[in-house]
Amino acid sequence: MTDSSRWKATVHVSGLPPVVTAANLRDAFIPFGEIADVTLEKNADPNSTDPHRGFAYVEYEDADDAKEAIDNMDQSELFGRVIKVTAAKVPKSATEGLESRTALWKQEEWLAQNEVSEEDRLAHQQAESGAFEAEDPMQGLEGLDVAGPKPE
């Protein structure tokens, strides 16, 4: 299954109470189709008493099953709380774009858009090494030492 088809077959479940486990979610969502994976996002805060962040992803084998789960489980009650079930959004890549942790000039997309031609690169190297001889800016101005129009 390709990445894009995986995300089309995945639902985002939010509003989960702390007592919910991945097994509970699997049991609640299995009537709508074959489940490939259940990911309950763990809480990163070590001081928190909640075992997870209150949301999860349920990935189905088929995208139609995911739509069926959304239609039937959105705004339903699970362990005393109303849950929200929506289609999962494709996450932004952590390696591309302005919010990435990689320097912009090291990203493949930026490099492709801002590529320097080989001619410009050689001219820059010659200028830095001193091998490039600049033209004299006064060249061609020899006869212009007198102000005013040229005598005929």
N, C-alpha and C. Protein backbone atom coordinates (compact mmCIF):
# COMPACT_ATOMS: atom_id res chain seq x y z
N MET A 1 0.85 -1.18 0.00
CA MET A 1 0.00 0.00 0.00
C MET A 1 0.89 1.24 0.00
N THR A 2 0.61 2.16 -0.91
CA THR A 2 1.42 3.38 -0.98
C THR A 2 1.06 4.31 0.17
N ASP A 3 1.94 5.29 0.38
CA ASP A 3 1.72 6.23 1.49
C ASP A 3 0.41 6.99 1.35
N SER A 4 0.11 7.47 0.14
CA SER A 4 -1.12 8.27 -0.04
C SER A 4 -2.35 7.41 0.17
N SER A 5 -2.34 6.16 -0.30
CA SER A 5 -3.52 5.31 -0.10
C SER A 5 -3.65 4.88 1.36
N ARG A 6 -2.52 4.79 2.08
CA ARG A 6 -2.57 4.49 3.51
C ARG A 6 -3.29 5.60 4.26
N TRP A 7 -2.98 6.87 3.91
CA TRP A 7 -3.61 7.98 4.62
C TRP A 7 -5.07 8.10 4.26
N LYS A 8 -5.47 7.67 3.06
CA LYS A 8 -6.88 7.70 2.69
C LYS A 8 -7.66 6.64 3.46
N ALA A 9 -6.97 5.60 3.92
CA ALA A 9 -7.62 4.52 4.65
C ALA A 9 -7.43 4.66 6.16
N THR A 10 -7.03 5.85 6.62
CA THR A 10 -6.77 6.07 8.05
C THR A 10 -7.73 7.12 8.59
N VAL A 11 -8.24 6.86 9.80
CA VAL A 11 -9.11 7.84 10.47
C VAL A 11 -8.41 8.37 11.71
N HIS A 12 -8.70 9.61 12.03
CA HIS A 12 -8.17 10.27 13.23
C HIS A 12 -9.29 10.28 14.26
N VAL A 13 -9.01 9.74 15.44
CA VAL A 13 -10.00 9.67 16.52
C VAL A 13 -9.52 10.58 17.64
N SER A 14 -10.32 11.58 18.00
CA SER A 14 -9.91 12.50 19.07
C SER A 14 -10.97 12.54 20.16
N GLY A 15 -10.58 13.10 21.31
CA GLY A 15 -11.48 13.19 22.46
C GLY A 15 -11.50 11.92 23.28
N LEU A 16 -10.42 11.16 23.21
CA LEU A 16 -10.37 9.88 23.93
C LEU A 16 -10.09 10.08 25.42
N PRO A 17 -10.79 9.34 26.27
CA PRO A 17 -10.50 9.41 27.71
C PRO A 17 -9.21 8.65 28.01
N PRO A 18 -8.58 8.93 29.15
CA PRO A 18 -7.31 8.28 29.49
C PRO A 18 -7.38 6.76 29.63
N VAL A 19 -8.54 6.21 29.91
CA VAL A 19 -8.66 4.76 30.13
C VAL A 19 -8.64 3.95 28.83
N VAL A 20 -8.79 4.60 27.69
CA VAL A 20 -8.84 3.90 26.40
C VAL A 20 -7.47 3.32 26.05
N THR A 21 -7.48 2.09 25.53
CA THR A 21 -6.26 1.43 25.07
C THR A 21 -6.39 1.14 23.58
N ALA A 22 -5.30 0.72 22.98
CA ALA A 22 -5.32 0.38 21.55
C ALA A 22 -6.26 -0.81 21.32
N ALA A 23 -6.31 -1.74 22.25
CA ALA A 23 -7.21 -2.89 22.12
C ALA A 23 -8.67 -2.44 22.15
N ASN A 24 -9.00 -1.46 23.01
CA ASN A 24 -10.36 -0.93 23.05
C ASN A 24 -10.74 -0.29 21.72
N LEU A 25 -9.81 0.47 21.14
CA LEU A 25 -10.08 1.12 19.86
C LEU A 25 -10.26 0.08 18.75
N ARG A 26 -9.43 -0.95 18.76
CA ARG A 26 -9.54 -2.01 17.75
C ARG A 26 -10.93 -2.66 17.85
N ASP A 27 -11.36 -2.95 19.08
CA ASP A 27 -12.67 -3.58 19.28
C ASP A 27 -13.82 -2.66 18.84
N ALA A 28 -13.67 -1.37 19.07
CA ALA A 28 -14.74 -0.42 18.72
C ALA A 28 -14.82 -0.19 17.21
N PHE A 29 -13.69 -0.27 16.51
CA PHE A 29 -13.68 0.07 15.08
C PHE A 29 -13.65 -1.14 14.15
N ILE A 30 -13.52 -2.35 14.67
CA ILE A 30 -13.45 -3.55 13.83
C ILE A 30 -14.75 -3.84 13.06
N PRO A 31 -15.93 -3.44 13.54
CA PRO A 31 -17.15 -3.74 12.77
C PRO A 31 -17.19 -3.10 11.38
N PHE A 32 -16.34 -2.11 11.13
CA PHE A 32 -16.41 -1.38 9.86
C PHE A 32 -15.43 -1.90 8.81
N GLY A 33 -14.56 -2.83 9.18
CA GLY A 33 -13.63 -3.40 8.21
C GLY A 33 -12.37 -3.90 8.86
N GLU A 34 -11.53 -4.52 8.04
CA GLU A 34 -10.27 -5.08 8.51
C GLU A 34 -9.31 -3.95 8.89
N ILE A 35 -8.80 -3.99 10.11
CA ILE A 35 -7.90 -2.95 10.61
C ILE A 35 -6.45 -3.38 10.41
N ALA A 36 -5.66 -2.49 9.81
CA ALA A 36 -4.24 -2.76 9.59
C ALA A 36 -3.41 -2.36 10.80
N ASP A 37 -3.77 -1.23 11.44
CA ASP A 37 -2.96 -0.74 12.56
C ASP A 37 -3.76 0.24 13.40
N VAL A 38 -3.49 0.24 14.70
CA VAL A 38 -4.05 1.24 15.62
C VAL A 38 -2.88 1.89 16.32
N THR A 39 -2.79 3.22 16.21
CA THR A 39 -1.69 3.96 16.85
C THR A 39 -2.29 4.95 17.84
N LEU A 40 -2.05 4.69 19.12
CA LEU A 40 -2.50 5.57 20.18
C LEU A 40 -1.29 6.42 20.57
N GLU A 41 -1.37 7.72 20.31
CA GLU A 41 -0.23 8.62 20.52
C GLU A 41 0.11 8.72 22.01
N LYS A 42 1.33 8.34 22.34
CA LYS A 42 1.81 8.37 23.73
C LYS A 42 2.04 9.80 24.19
N ASN A 43 1.89 10.02 25.49
CA ASN A 43 2.11 11.33 26.08
C ASN A 43 3.61 11.55 26.27
N ALA A 44 4.15 12.62 25.71
CA ALA A 44 5.58 12.91 25.81
C ALA A 44 5.95 13.59 27.12
N ASP A 45 4.97 14.15 27.81
CA ASP A 45 5.22 14.86 29.07
C ASP A 45 5.40 13.85 30.20
N PRO A 46 6.59 13.76 30.80
CA PRO A 46 6.82 12.77 31.85
C PRO A 46 6.04 13.07 33.14
N ASN A 47 5.60 14.30 33.32
CA ASN A 47 4.87 14.68 34.54
C ASN A 47 3.37 14.41 34.43
N SER A 48 2.91 14.07 33.24
CA SER A 48 1.49 13.85 33.03
C SER A 48 1.06 12.49 33.56
N THR A 49 -0.15 12.41 34.07
CA THR A 49 -0.69 11.13 34.55
C THR A 49 -1.43 10.39 33.44
N ASP A 50 -1.72 11.08 32.33
CA ASP A 50 -2.42 10.44 31.21
C ASP A 50 -1.44 9.58 30.41
N PRO A 51 -1.83 8.35 30.07
CA PRO A 51 -0.93 7.47 29.32
C PRO A 51 -0.81 7.83 27.84
N HIS A 52 -1.77 8.61 27.32
CA HIS A 52 -1.73 9.00 25.91
C HIS A 52 -2.22 10.43 25.76
N ARG A 53 -2.12 10.95 24.53
CA ARG A 53 -2.42 12.36 24.28
C ARG A 53 -3.89 12.64 23.98
N GLY A 54 -4.72 11.61 23.99
CA GLY A 54 -6.15 11.82 23.79
C GLY A 54 -6.59 11.66 22.35
N PHE A 55 -5.71 11.21 21.47
CA PHE A 55 -6.12 10.94 20.09
C PHE A 55 -5.37 9.73 19.57
N ALA A 56 -5.91 9.17 18.48
CA ALA A 56 -5.33 7.96 17.90
C ALA A 56 -5.59 7.94 16.41
N TYR A 57 -4.86 7.07 15.72
CA TYR A 57 -5.07 6.81 14.30
C TYR A 57 -5.45 5.35 14.13
N VAL A 58 -6.52 5.10 13.38
CA VAL A 58 -6.94 3.74 13.07
C VAL A 58 -6.81 3.59 11.56
N GLU A 59 -5.92 2.68 11.15
CA GLU A 59 -5.67 2.47 9.72
C GLU A 59 -6.39 1.21 9.27
N TYR A 60 -7.23 1.36 8.25
CA TYR A 60 -7.96 0.23 7.67
C TYR A 60 -7.23 -0.30 6.45
N GLU A 61 -7.59 -1.51 6.06
CA GLU A 61 -7.04 -2.11 4.84
C GLU A 61 -7.62 -1.43 3.60
N ASP A 62 -8.85 -0.92 3.71
CA ASP A 62 -9.55 -0.34 2.57
C ASP A 62 -10.06 1.06 2.92
N ALA A 63 -9.95 1.99 1.98
CA ALA A 63 -10.39 3.37 2.22
C ALA A 63 -11.90 3.46 2.43
N ASP A 64 -12.66 2.58 1.80
CA ASP A 64 -14.12 2.60 1.99
C ASP A 64 -14.50 2.24 3.43
N ASP A 65 -13.71 1.36 4.04
CA ASP A 65 -13.96 1.01 5.44
C ASP A 65 -13.73 2.22 6.35
N ALA A 66 -12.73 3.03 6.02
CA ALA A 66 -12.45 4.23 6.81
C ALA A 66 -13.62 5.21 6.71
N LYS A 67 -14.17 5.36 5.51
CA LYS A 67 -15.32 6.26 5.34
C LYS A 67 -16.52 5.75 6.13
N GLU A 68 -16.71 4.44 6.13
CA GLU A 68 -17.79 3.83 6.89
C GLU A 68 -17.62 4.09 8.40
N ALA A 69 -16.39 3.98 8.89
CA ALA A 69 -16.12 4.23 10.30
C ALA A 69 -16.39 5.68 10.66
N ILE A 70 -16.02 6.60 9.78
CA ILE A 70 -16.27 8.02 10.02
C ILE A 70 -17.78 8.28 10.11
N ASP A 71 -18.51 7.73 9.16
CA ASP A 71 -19.97 7.94 9.13
C ASP A 71 -20.66 7.40 10.39
N ASN A 72 -20.17 6.28 10.90
CA ASN A 72 -20.85 5.63 12.02
C ASN A 72 -20.31 6.00 13.40
N MET A 73 -19.05 6.37 13.50
CA MET A 73 -18.45 6.60 14.81
C MET A 73 -18.28 8.06 15.20
N ASP A 74 -18.37 8.99 14.24
CA ASP A 74 -18.21 10.40 14.57
C ASP A 74 -19.35 10.82 15.50
N GLN A 75 -19.00 11.51 16.57
CA GLN A 75 -19.93 12.01 17.59
C GLN A 75 -20.59 10.88 18.37
N SER A 76 -19.95 9.71 18.40
CA SER A 76 -20.47 8.61 19.23
C SER A 76 -19.79 8.66 20.59
N GLU A 77 -20.27 7.85 21.52
CA GLU A 77 -19.75 7.86 22.88
C GLU A 77 -18.85 6.64 23.09
N LEU A 78 -17.69 6.89 23.70
CA LEU A 78 -16.75 5.82 24.02
C LEU A 78 -16.23 6.07 25.44
N PHE A 79 -16.49 5.15 26.35
CA PHE A 79 -16.10 5.27 27.75
C PHE A 79 -16.57 6.60 28.36
N GLY A 80 -17.79 6.99 28.05
CA GLY A 80 -18.38 8.17 28.67
C GLY A 80 -18.02 9.50 28.01
N ARG A 81 -17.26 9.47 26.93
CA ARG A 81 -16.91 10.72 26.23
C ARG A 81 -17.36 10.64 24.77
N VAL A 82 -17.75 11.80 24.25
CA VAL A 82 -18.11 11.89 22.83
C VAL A 82 -16.81 12.04 22.05
N ILE A 83 -16.60 11.14 21.09
CA ILE A 83 -15.37 11.18 20.30
C ILE A 83 -15.64 11.79 18.94
N LYS A 84 -14.59 12.30 18.35
CA LYS A 84 -14.69 12.87 17.02
C LYS A 84 -13.84 12.00 16.09
N VAL A 85 -14.42 11.56 14.99
CA VAL A 85 -13.73 10.70 14.04
C VAL A 85 -13.73 11.40 12.68
N THR A 86 -12.54 11.68 12.17
CA THR A 86 -12.40 12.36 10.88
C THR A 86 -11.37 11.63 10.03
N ALA A 87 -11.32 11.99 8.77
CA ALA A 87 -10.28 11.45 7.88
C ALA A 87 -8.94 12.01 8.32
N ALA A 88 -7.94 11.16 8.36
CA ALA A 88 -6.60 11.60 8.78
C ALA A 88 -5.99 12.46 7.69
N LYS A 89 -5.29 13.49 8.09
CA LYS A 89 -4.59 14.36 7.15
C LYS A 89 -3.17 13.87 6.99
N VAL A 90 -2.64 14.01 5.80
CA VAL A 90 -1.26 13.62 5.55
C VAL A 90 -0.36 14.56 6.34
N PRO A 91 0.53 14.03 7.17
CA PRO A 91 1.38 14.91 7.97
C PRO A 91 2.39 15.65 7.11
N LYS A 92 2.73 16.84 7.54
CA LYS A 92 3.78 17.59 6.85
C LYS A 92 5.10 16.90 7.08
N SER A 93 5.91 16.92 6.07
CA SER A 93 7.20 16.26 6.20
C SER A 93 8.07 17.03 7.18
N ALA A 94 8.77 16.31 8.01
CA ALA A 94 9.65 16.95 9.00
C ALA A 94 10.96 17.38 8.37
N THR A 95 11.17 17.02 7.11
CA THR A 95 12.44 17.35 6.46
C THR A 95 12.29 18.41 5.38
N GLU A 96 11.06 18.85 5.09
CA GLU A 96 10.85 19.84 4.04
C GLU A 96 9.97 20.97 4.53
N GLY A 97 10.10 22.12 3.91
CA GLY A 97 9.27 23.26 4.23
C GLY A 97 9.87 24.14 5.31
N LEU A 98 9.18 25.20 5.63
CA LEU A 98 9.69 26.18 6.58
C LEU A 98 9.68 25.68 8.02
N GLU A 99 8.83 24.68 8.32
CA GLU A 99 8.75 24.19 9.69
C GLU A 99 9.67 23.00 9.93
N SER A 100 10.54 22.69 9.00
CA SER A 100 11.40 21.52 9.15
C SER A 100 12.56 21.82 10.08
N ARG A 101 13.25 20.78 10.45
CA ARG A 101 14.42 20.92 11.32
C ARG A 101 15.71 20.87 10.51
N THR A 102 15.57 20.88 9.20
CA THR A 102 16.71 20.88 8.31
C THR A 102 16.85 22.28 7.72
N ALA A 103 18.07 22.76 7.60
CA ALA A 103 18.29 24.10 7.04
C ALA A 103 17.68 24.17 5.64
N LEU A 104 17.08 25.28 5.32
CA LEU A 104 16.39 25.46 4.05
C LEU A 104 17.30 25.17 2.87
N TRP A 105 18.56 25.63 2.92
CA TRP A 105 19.47 25.47 1.80
C TRP A 105 20.00 24.04 1.65
N LYS A 106 19.62 23.15 2.57
CA LYS A 106 20.02 21.74 2.46
C LYS A 106 18.86 20.86 2.00
N GLN A 107 17.70 21.45 1.79
CA GLN A 107 16.53 20.69 1.36
C GLN A 107 16.54 20.52 -0.14
N GLU A 108 16.21 19.33 -0.60
CA GLU A 108 16.25 19.00 -2.03
C GLU A 108 15.38 19.93 -2.87
N GLU A 109 14.18 20.22 -2.40
CA GLU A 109 13.26 21.07 -3.18
C GLU A 109 13.84 22.47 -3.37
N TRP A 110 14.39 23.04 -2.30
CA TRP A 110 14.96 24.38 -2.38
C TRP A 110 16.18 24.38 -3.30
N LEU A 111 17.01 23.35 -3.19
CA LEU A 111 18.20 23.25 -4.04
C LEU A 111 17.83 23.18 -5.51
N ALA A 112 16.78 22.44 -5.83
CA ALA A 112 16.35 22.33 -7.22
C ALA A 112 15.86 23.67 -7.76
N GLN A 113 15.17 24.44 -6.94
CA GLN A 113 14.64 25.73 -7.39
C GLN A 113 15.72 26.80 -7.49
N ASN A 114 16.76 26.70 -6.69
CA ASN A 114 17.77 27.74 -6.61
C ASN A 114 19.13 27.26 -7.09
N GLU A 115 19.12 26.35 -8.01
CA GLU A 115 20.37 25.79 -8.52
C GLU A 115 21.16 26.85 -9.30
N VAL A 116 22.46 26.88 -9.09
CA VAL A 116 23.34 27.82 -9.76
C VAL A 116 23.94 27.12 -10.98
N SER A 117 24.00 27.85 -12.10
CA SER A 117 24.54 27.24 -13.31
C SER A 117 26.04 27.03 -13.16
N GLU A 118 26.56 26.11 -13.95
CA GLU A 118 28.00 25.80 -13.89
C GLU A 118 28.82 27.02 -14.32
N GLU A 119 28.33 27.79 -15.26
CA GLU A 119 29.03 28.99 -15.73
C GLU A 119 29.19 30.01 -14.60
N ASP A 120 28.10 30.23 -13.84
CA ASP A 120 28.16 31.16 -12.71
C ASP A 120 29.08 30.66 -11.61
N ARG A 121 29.07 29.35 -11.38
CA ARG A 121 29.92 28.77 -10.35
C ARG A 121 31.40 28.95 -10.72
N LEU A 122 31.76 28.73 -11.99
CA LEU A 122 33.15 28.91 -12.43
C LEU A 122 33.59 30.37 -12.32
N ALA A 123 32.72 31.29 -12.71
CA ALA A 123 33.04 32.72 -12.62
C ALA A 123 33.28 33.11 -11.16
N HIS A 124 32.47 32.56 -10.25
CA HIS A 124 32.63 32.86 -8.83
C HIS A 124 33.96 32.31 -8.31
N GLN A 125 34.31 31.10 -8.72
CA GLN A 125 35.58 30.51 -8.28
C GLN A 125 36.77 31.30 -8.80
N GLN A 126 36.70 31.76 -10.07
CA GLN A 126 37.79 32.55 -10.64
C GLN A 126 37.93 33.88 -9.91
N ALA A 127 36.82 34.49 -9.58
CA ALA A 127 36.85 35.78 -8.88
C ALA A 127 37.47 35.64 -7.49
N GLU A 128 37.14 34.56 -6.81
CA GLU A 128 37.68 34.35 -5.47
C GLU A 128 39.17 33.99 -5.49
N SER A 129 39.59 33.28 -6.52
CA SER A 129 40.99 32.86 -6.57
C SER A 129 41.89 33.96 -7.13
N GLY A 130 41.32 34.98 -7.68
CA GLY A 130 42.10 36.08 -8.24
C GLY A 130 42.51 35.81 -9.68
N ALA A 131 42.12 34.69 -10.25
CA ALA A 131 42.47 34.34 -11.62
C ALA A 131 41.64 35.16 -12.61
N PHE A 132 40.57 35.69 -12.15
CA PHE A 132 39.70 36.46 -13.01
C PHE A 132 40.22 37.89 -13.08
N GLU A 133 40.51 38.36 -14.28
CA GLU A 133 41.05 39.71 -14.43
C GLU A 133 39.92 40.64 -14.82
N ALA A 134 39.61 41.58 -13.95
CA ALA A 134 38.53 42.52 -14.21
C ALA A 134 38.98 43.55 -15.25
N GLU A 135 38.04 44.01 -16.06
CA GLU A 135 38.34 45.03 -17.06
C GLU A 135 38.58 46.36 -16.36
N ASP A 136 39.43 47.16 -16.95
CA ASP A 136 39.71 48.49 -16.41
C ASP A 136 38.48 49.36 -16.62
N PRO A 137 37.91 49.92 -15.56
CA PRO A 137 36.71 50.72 -15.72
C PRO A 137 36.96 52.03 -16.49
N MET A 138 38.23 52.44 -16.62
CA MET A 138 38.56 53.69 -17.32
C MET A 138 38.86 53.45 -18.81
N GLN A 139 38.85 52.18 -19.21
CA GLN A 139 39.18 51.85 -20.59
C GLN A 139 38.13 52.45 -21.53
N GLY A 140 38.60 53.11 -22.59
CA GLY A 140 37.72 53.73 -23.57
C GLY A 140 37.38 55.17 -23.24
N LEU A 141 37.93 55.70 -22.17
CA LEU A 141 37.63 57.07 -21.77
C LEU A 141 38.82 58.00 -21.99
N GLU A 142 39.82 57.55 -22.79
CA GLU A 142 41.06 58.31 -22.94
C GLU A 142 40.84 59.72 -23.50
N GLY A 143 40.00 59.88 -24.46
CA GLY A 143 39.83 61.19 -25.10
C GLY A 143 38.79 62.06 -24.44
N LEU A 144 38.30 61.70 -23.31
CA LEU A 144 37.24 62.46 -22.67
C LEU A 144 37.73 63.31 -21.50
N ASP A 145 38.98 63.79 -21.55
CA ASP A 145 39.50 64.57 -20.44
C ASP A 145 39.09 66.04 -20.52
N VAL A 146 38.49 66.44 -21.60
CA VAL A 146 38.03 67.81 -21.75
C VAL A 146 36.52 67.83 -21.67
N ALA A 147 35.98 68.76 -20.86
CA ALA A 147 34.54 68.86 -20.71
C ALA A 147 33.94 69.56 -21.90
N GLY A 148 32.71 69.26 -22.19
CA GLY A 148 32.00 69.92 -23.26
C GLY A 148 31.94 69.08 -24.52
N PRO A 149 31.34 69.66 -25.56
CA PRO A 149 31.19 68.91 -26.80
C PRO A 149 32.53 68.77 -27.51
N LYS A 150 32.65 67.71 -28.29
CA LYS A 150 33.86 67.45 -29.05
C LYS A 150 33.98 68.47 -30.18
N PRO A 151 35.17 69.00 -30.38
CA PRO A 151 35.35 69.92 -31.51
C PRO A 151 35.35 69.12 -32.80
N GLU A 152 34.79 69.68 -33.85
CA GLU A 152 34.71 68.97 -35.13
C GLU A 152 35.77 69.36 -36.06
